[in-house]
Amino acid sequence: MAAAKANILVVGFGGTDRVTVYNLEASGRASVTGVLRSNYQIDGNLRAVKPLLALHKHKTNRRPVHQAVPEVSNDTKPFDYIVVTTKNIPDIPPTVVDIIHPAVTPGHSVIVLIQNGVKIENPLISAFSNVVISCISRMSSAELSHGEIFHQDHDTLLIGPLDNLNIPSSTSLSAAKQFVDLYNAAGRATCVLEEDVAFIRWRKLVYNVSFNSLCAITSRDTSKLRLADFPVEELLRSVQKEIIAIAKAAGVNLPENQDEVALGADLIDAYFRPSMQQDIETDNYIEMEIIVGALLREAKRLGVLALTLNFVYSVLKTLQMRTQYKKGRVALPAMKDYGASNAALPK
């Protein structure tokens, strides 16, 4: 008898999310339910996903697809894994905890966070008595239009168990190993177990915080930003060195040349647009709090000066507020006519 397929819920259906779904489905060992919270009306009936490189070149009409996270009751099959790939934007409700709460079966569902940032697991560990797994994704994918995904790089996923006082460490490690096996089963991705979660998260942040933030602020992709030269020394490298210093104060010793590694992470002719830049250009909210704000709070707690990072954070907050205005989340007082148009011109 064939082994039962893992029942998996994937929350979030952008670029990274869909490549993740296809890899899980292609394994033949998973039955995946997708939640398209914002794209449901356009994508919900036909998911015409088109990764443009050869690894995942296919379309599917497979269901089920939901607009909201389904609620699990006693008479429904629980989700074995809840894979969270949606944007983590705690400053714009609902939070990740709020979103996935209806689908979590206490003590059973393994929560898999394919998200960036530091300490993103804390709210979930506080809310649920479940294993929480950290995943760092490196695949360079983007949603060109609703349902069309540009997959620019090999799908690499680094997975590790997160420290959780509610769960024995052996249980968390076992769950992480099982998900690694599941993700590797299709033979299309590279999924690696990394037990030093803090190290791989901070290492990713050196690249992610600097390029993500500055590409969003300048509207320049990674290649154009580097080719401009001036931003490299004055902004990119400054932010990266501050992150390395914060990591060291937090007990994570990154290589001394990690800034050089981050600067050369993308090929100069890749012209990659990080997620924050994509979100700014489409008037969507950005993940500035868990990626940049959390770092600044750590810096303050540890007594590390991070002046450039603080400036970047202030600009990102301003951009986030602009998006709130555009979406009508923040009400502005009506403009008053103070009679300037009727005032007599000075003689």
Protein backbone atom coordinates (compact mmCIF):
# COMPACT_ATOMS: atom_id res chain seq x y z
CA MET A 1 0.00 0.00 0.00
CA ALA A 2 1.31 3.41 -0.95
CA ALA A 3 2.12 5.75 1.90
CA ALA A 4 -0.47 8.43 2.60
CA LYS A 5 0.34 11.81 1.10
CA ALA A 6 1.23 14.64 3.44
CA ASN A 7 -1.67 17.08 3.74
CA ILE A 8 -0.12 20.51 3.21
CA LEU A 9 -1.56 24.01 3.34
CA VAL A 10 0.45 26.75 1.60
CA VAL A 11 -0.50 30.29 2.60
CA GLY A 12 0.64 32.81 0.01
CA PHE A 13 0.77 32.48 -3.78
CA GLY A 14 3.32 34.88 -5.20
CA GLY A 15 6.60 33.98 -6.89
CA THR A 16 8.38 31.94 -4.22
CA ASP A 17 5.12 30.43 -3.06
CA ARG A 18 4.11 28.87 -6.36
CA VAL A 19 7.47 27.35 -7.13
CA THR A 20 7.30 25.84 -3.63
CA VAL A 21 3.84 24.41 -4.33
CA TYR A 22 4.90 22.88 -7.63
CA ASN A 23 7.93 21.26 -6.07
CA LEU A 24 5.82 19.72 -3.30
CA GLU A 25 3.20 18.48 -5.77
CA ALA A 26 5.86 17.10 -8.11
CA SER A 27 7.19 14.92 -5.29
CA GLY A 28 4.09 12.74 -5.51
CA ARG A 29 4.12 12.64 -1.72
CA ALA A 30 2.03 15.71 -0.96
CA SER A 31 -1.50 16.97 -1.47
CA VAL A 32 -1.33 20.76 -1.43
CA THR A 33 -4.09 23.25 -0.69
CA GLY A 34 -3.30 26.84 -1.64
CA VAL A 35 -4.62 30.06 -0.16
CA LEU A 36 -4.67 33.03 -2.56
CA ARG A 37 -5.78 35.85 -0.30
CA SER A 38 -5.34 38.80 -2.69
CA ASN A 39 -5.19 37.08 -6.11
CA TYR A 40 -8.17 34.76 -5.65
CA GLN A 41 -10.65 36.56 -7.93
CA ILE A 42 -8.13 36.58 -10.79
CA ASP A 43 -6.21 33.38 -10.14
CA GLY A 44 -8.63 31.23 -8.19
CA ASN A 45 -10.26 29.40 -11.08
CA LEU A 46 -7.22 28.85 -13.30
CA ARG A 47 -3.73 28.96 -11.91
CA ALA A 48 -1.75 29.60 -15.08
CA VAL A 49 1.64 29.51 -13.47
CA LYS A 50 4.52 29.74 -15.94
CA PRO A 51 7.99 29.50 -14.47
CA LEU A 52 10.10 30.61 -17.42
CA LEU A 53 13.06 28.35 -16.79
CA ALA A 54 13.11 24.63 -17.43
CA LEU A 55 12.97 23.23 -13.91
CA HIS A 56 9.26 23.85 -13.40
CA LYS A 57 7.88 24.36 -16.90
CA HIS A 58 4.23 23.31 -16.67
CA LYS A 59 0.72 24.56 -15.97
CA THR A 60 -1.92 23.10 -13.72
CA ASN A 61 -5.62 23.52 -13.08
CA ARG A 62 -5.42 21.53 -9.88
CA ARG A 63 -7.61 22.48 -6.97
CA PRO A 64 -8.31 23.11 -4.12
CA VAL A 65 -7.68 26.84 -4.03
CA HIS A 66 -9.11 29.03 -1.29
CA GLN A 67 -9.41 32.76 -0.71
CA ALA A 68 -9.14 32.37 3.06
CA VAL A 69 -7.42 29.86 5.32
CA PRO A 70 -9.80 26.90 5.78
CA GLU A 71 -10.91 26.11 9.31
CA VAL A 72 -10.05 22.64 10.55
CA SER A 73 -12.63 20.93 12.74
CA ASN A 74 -12.79 17.55 14.47
CA ASP A 75 -14.36 15.87 11.44
CA THR A 76 -11.86 17.14 8.83
CA LYS A 77 -8.38 15.89 8.04
CA PRO A 78 -5.77 18.03 9.81
CA PHE A 79 -2.96 19.68 7.93
CA ASP A 80 0.37 17.95 8.52
CA TYR A 81 2.28 21.04 7.41
CA ILE A 82 1.25 24.67 7.18
CA VAL A 83 3.77 26.36 4.90
CA VAL A 84 3.75 30.13 5.35
CA THR A 85 5.19 32.01 2.39
CA THR A 86 2.96 35.07 2.53
CA LYS A 87 4.45 38.46 3.31
CA ASN A 88 5.07 38.96 7.02
CA ILE A 89 3.84 42.49 7.72
CA PRO A 90 3.01 42.79 11.45
CA ASP A 91 2.39 46.54 11.16
CA ILE A 92 -0.49 45.90 8.74
CA PRO A 93 -3.05 43.46 10.26
CA PRO A 94 -3.89 40.63 10.14
CA THR A 95 -0.74 39.03 11.50
CA VAL A 96 0.58 35.62 10.48
CA VAL A 97 -0.85 34.16 13.70
CA ASP A 98 -4.28 35.59 12.87
CA ILE A 99 -4.13 34.28 9.30
CA ILE A 100 -3.19 30.65 9.97
CA HIS A 101 -4.96 30.16 13.32
CA PRO A 102 -8.09 28.45 11.88
CA ALA A 103 -5.99 25.76 10.17
CA VAL A 104 -3.64 24.84 13.01
CA THR A 105 -4.28 21.54 14.78
CA PRO A 106 -2.59 21.85 18.19
CA GLY A 107 0.29 19.44 18.65
CA HIS A 108 0.00 18.10 15.09
CA SER A 109 0.50 20.71 12.35
CA VAL A 110 4.14 21.58 11.68
CA ILE A 111 4.42 25.30 10.88
CA VAL A 112 6.99 25.94 8.15
CA LEU A 113 8.12 29.56 7.80
CA ILE A 114 9.58 30.35 4.37
CA GLN A 115 10.06 33.98 5.30
CA ASN A 116 12.85 36.44 5.94
CA GLY A 117 13.67 38.33 9.11
CA VAL A 118 14.73 37.63 12.68
CA LYS A 119 12.61 36.43 15.59
CA ILE A 120 9.66 35.90 13.25
CA GLU A 121 8.92 32.65 15.08
CA ASN A 122 8.28 34.25 18.48
CA PRO A 123 4.58 35.14 17.97
CA LEU A 124 3.89 31.63 16.60
CA ILE A 125 5.66 29.85 19.44
CA SER A 126 3.67 31.96 21.91
CA ALA A 127 0.36 31.22 20.17
CA PHE A 128 0.69 27.52 19.28
CA SER A 129 2.00 24.32 20.89
CA ASN A 130 3.41 23.20 17.56
CA VAL A 131 6.77 22.59 15.92
CA VAL A 132 7.97 25.66 14.00
CA ILE A 133 10.56 25.22 11.24
CA SER A 134 12.74 27.94 9.73
CA CYS A 135 13.32 28.02 5.96
CA ILE A 136 15.56 30.33 3.97
CA SER A 137 14.68 30.31 0.28
CA ARG A 138 17.06 31.22 -2.53
CA MET A 139 15.37 30.99 -5.90
CA SER A 140 15.01 34.53 -7.36
CA SER A 141 11.42 34.30 -8.51
CA ALA A 142 8.93 37.05 -9.24
CA GLU A 143 5.28 37.37 -10.24
CA LEU A 144 5.37 39.23 -13.57
CA SER A 145 1.58 39.40 -13.71
CA HIS A 146 -1.25 37.56 -12.00
CA GLY A 147 -0.51 33.88 -12.55
CA GLU A 148 2.79 34.31 -14.42
CA ILE A 149 5.93 33.50 -12.48
CA PHE A 150 9.48 34.26 -13.58
CA HIS A 151 11.73 31.70 -11.91
CA GLN A 152 15.25 33.04 -12.39
CA ASP A 153 17.42 30.69 -10.33
CA HIS A 154 17.66 27.15 -8.96
CA ASP A 155 15.28 26.39 -6.07
CA THR A 156 17.43 26.13 -2.94
CA LEU A 157 15.85 25.81 0.50
CA LEU A 158 17.79 25.81 3.78
CA ILE A 159 15.76 24.29 6.61
CA GLY A 160 16.32 24.05 10.34
CA PRO A 161 14.41 23.60 13.61
CA LEU A 162 13.74 26.68 15.71
CA ASP A 163 14.36 26.78 19.45
CA ASN A 164 11.03 26.19 21.14
CA LEU A 165 10.63 25.69 24.88
CA ASN A 166 7.23 24.08 24.24
CA ILE A 167 8.66 21.27 22.09
CA PRO A 168 11.54 18.80 22.67
CA SER A 169 14.46 19.72 20.40
CA SER A 170 14.56 16.14 19.07
CA THR A 171 10.94 16.47 17.91
CA SER A 172 11.64 19.72 16.08
CA LEU A 173 14.78 18.29 14.45
CA SER A 174 12.90 15.17 13.31
CA ALA A 175 10.14 17.30 11.76
CA ALA A 176 12.72 19.41 9.92
CA LYS A 177 14.44 16.29 8.53
CA GLN A 178 11.11 14.89 7.32
CA PHE A 179 10.30 18.11 5.46
CA VAL A 180 13.77 18.12 3.87
CA ASP A 181 13.13 14.60 2.56
CA LEU A 182 9.72 15.62 1.26
CA TYR A 183 11.01 18.72 -0.52
CA ASN A 184 13.90 16.83 -2.12
CA ALA A 185 11.69 13.97 -3.33
CA ALA A 186 10.87 15.55 -6.71
CA GLY A 187 14.55 15.90 -7.59
CA ARG A 188 14.02 19.45 -8.84
CA ALA A 189 15.26 21.44 -5.87
CA THR A 190 18.12 21.43 -3.40
CA CYS A 191 16.86 21.27 0.17
CA VAL A 192 19.47 21.17 2.94
CA LEU A 193 19.16 20.68 6.69
CA GLU A 194 20.89 23.53 8.54
CA GLU A 195 20.75 23.18 12.32
CA ASP A 196 22.42 26.55 12.96
CA VAL A 197 19.31 28.55 12.09
CA ALA A 198 20.58 31.83 13.54
CA PHE A 199 23.70 31.76 11.35
CA ILE A 200 21.89 31.19 8.05
CA ARG A 201 19.22 33.78 8.88
CA TRP A 202 21.73 36.50 9.73
CA ARG A 203 23.84 35.60 6.70
CA LYS A 204 20.81 36.04 4.43
CA LEU A 205 19.99 39.36 6.10
CA VAL A 206 23.30 40.89 5.03
CA TYR A 207 22.13 40.57 1.43
CA ASN A 208 18.41 40.89 1.94
CA VAL A 209 18.25 43.99 4.11
CA SER A 210 20.74 45.96 2.05
CA PHE A 211 19.58 45.16 -1.48
CA ASN A 212 15.88 44.76 -0.68
CA SER A 213 15.68 48.10 1.11
CA LEU A 214 17.85 50.17 -1.20
CA CYS A 215 16.35 48.77 -4.41
CA ALA A 216 12.92 49.67 -3.04
CA ILE A 217 13.98 53.19 -2.10
CA THR A 218 15.84 53.94 -5.35
CA SER A 219 13.66 51.92 -7.77
CA ARG A 220 16.86 50.37 -9.14
CA ASP A 221 17.31 46.59 -9.45
CA THR A 222 20.35 44.86 -7.96
CA SER A 223 22.44 45.22 -11.13
CA LYS A 224 21.67 48.89 -11.75
CA LEU A 225 22.33 49.70 -8.11
CA ARG A 226 25.77 48.08 -8.26
CA LEU A 227 26.60 49.62 -11.63
CA ALA A 228 25.86 53.08 -10.22
CA ASP A 229 28.98 52.56 -8.05
CA PHE A 230 28.34 55.37 -5.54
CA PRO A 231 25.53 53.51 -3.70
CA VAL A 232 27.78 50.49 -3.20
CA GLU A 233 30.30 52.19 -0.92
CA GLU A 234 28.09 54.83 0.66
CA LEU A 235 24.92 52.80 1.24
CA LEU A 236 25.04 49.08 0.47
CA ARG A 237 28.34 48.30 2.14
CA SER A 238 27.58 50.56 5.09
CA VAL A 239 24.29 48.77 5.80
CA GLN A 240 25.94 45.37 5.37
CA LYS A 241 28.74 46.14 7.82
CA GLU A 242 26.22 47.37 10.39
CA ILE A 243 24.27 44.11 10.08
CA ILE A 244 27.46 42.07 10.53
CA ALA A 245 28.20 44.09 13.68
CA ILE A 246 24.69 43.53 15.07
CA ALA A 247 24.95 39.80 14.34
CA LYS A 248 28.28 39.62 16.18
CA ALA A 249 26.79 41.35 19.21
CA ALA A 250 23.96 38.80 19.10
CA GLY A 251 26.48 35.95 19.21
CA VAL A 252 26.50 35.13 15.49
CA ASN A 253 29.95 35.44 13.95
CA LEU A 254 29.61 35.89 10.21
CA PRO A 255 32.66 35.71 7.91
CA GLU A 256 34.57 38.98 7.68
CA ASN A 257 34.00 39.07 3.92
CA GLN A 258 30.25 38.48 4.15
CA ASP A 259 29.62 41.94 2.70
CA GLU A 260 31.70 41.02 -0.37
CA VAL A 261 29.80 37.74 -0.72
CA ALA A 262 26.48 39.60 -0.49
CA LEU A 263 27.54 42.21 -3.05
CA GLY A 264 28.34 39.52 -5.59
CA ALA A 265 25.40 37.24 -4.82
CA ASP A 266 23.58 38.17 -8.05
CA LEU A 267 25.22 38.13 -11.46
CA ILE A 268 25.78 41.66 -12.71
CA ASP A 269 23.58 41.02 -15.76
CA ALA A 270 20.72 39.40 -13.79
CA TYR A 271 18.85 42.70 -13.20
CA PHE A 272 16.98 41.11 -10.28
CA ARG A 273 14.22 43.11 -8.59
CA PRO A 274 13.95 42.17 -4.89
CA SER A 275 10.53 41.69 -3.32
CA MET A 276 10.39 45.11 -1.65
CA GLN A 277 11.05 46.85 -4.94
CA GLN A 278 8.34 44.78 -6.61
CA ASP A 279 5.92 45.66 -3.81
CA ILE A 280 6.66 49.38 -3.94
CA GLU A 281 6.15 49.40 -7.71
CA THR A 282 2.77 47.67 -7.37
CA ASP A 283 1.58 49.72 -4.36
CA ASN A 284 1.76 46.77 -1.99
CA TYR A 285 2.92 46.82 1.61
CA ILE A 286 6.56 45.97 2.31
CA GLU A 287 8.15 43.69 4.91
CA MET A 288 10.14 46.47 6.50
CA GLU A 289 9.40 45.65 10.15
CA ILE A 290 10.55 42.04 10.28
CA ILE A 291 13.49 42.64 7.96
CA VAL A 292 14.76 46.09 8.99
CA GLY A 293 12.83 47.19 12.07
CA ALA A 294 13.62 43.98 13.95
CA LEU A 295 17.33 44.48 13.26
CA LEU A 296 17.25 48.01 14.61
CA ARG A 297 15.48 46.84 17.76
CA GLU A 298 18.19 44.20 18.21
CA ALA A 299 20.87 46.84 17.64
CA LYS A 300 19.33 49.06 20.31
CA ARG A 301 19.03 46.15 22.75
CA LEU A 302 22.65 45.18 22.19
CA GLY A 303 24.04 48.72 22.15
CA VAL A 304 25.19 48.67 18.52
CA LEU A 305 25.21 51.93 16.56
CA ALA A 306 23.47 51.54 13.18
CA LEU A 307 23.05 55.03 11.72
CA THR A 308 22.71 54.07 8.04
CA LEU A 309 20.26 51.31 8.84
CA ASN A 310 18.22 53.74 10.93
CA PHE A 311 18.05 56.18 8.00
CA VAL A 312 16.99 53.38 5.63
CA TYR A 313 14.30 52.29 8.08
CA SER A 314 12.92 55.83 8.34
CA VAL A 315 12.62 56.11 4.55
CA LEU A 316 10.93 52.69 4.33
CA LYS A 317 8.41 53.72 6.99
CA THR A 318 7.61 56.79 4.92
CA LEU A 319 7.06 54.62 1.83
CA GLN A 320 4.85 52.29 3.86
CA MET A 321 2.78 55.26 5.00
CA ARG A 322 2.43 56.41 1.39
CA THR A 323 0.98 53.01 0.49
CA GLN A 324 -1.41 53.25 3.43
CA TYR A 325 -2.63 56.59 2.10
CA LYS A 326 -3.12 55.15 -1.38
CA LYS A 327 -5.09 52.20 -0.03
CA GLY A 328 -7.26 54.39 2.20
CA ARG A 329 -6.02 52.82 5.43
CA VAL A 330 -5.02 56.21 6.85
CA ALA A 331 -7.47 59.09 6.66
CA LEU A 332 -6.12 62.55 5.92
CA PRO A 333 -7.82 65.82 6.85
CA ALA A 334 -9.44 67.56 3.92
CA MET A 335 -7.39 70.24 2.21
CA LYS A 336 -8.56 73.74 3.08
CA ASP A 337 -8.55 76.74 0.79
CA TYR A 338 -6.80 79.52 2.67
CA GLY A 339 -7.52 82.01 -0.05
CA ALA A 340 -4.05 81.98 -1.53
CA SER A 341 -5.48 81.94 -5.03
CA ASN A 342 -7.45 85.12 -4.32
CA ALA A 343 -4.76 86.96 -2.45
CA ALA A 344 -3.52 90.17 -3.97
CA LEU A 345 -0.12 89.91 -5.51
CA PRO A 346 2.55 91.95 -3.73
CA LYS A 347 3.29 95.28 -5.34
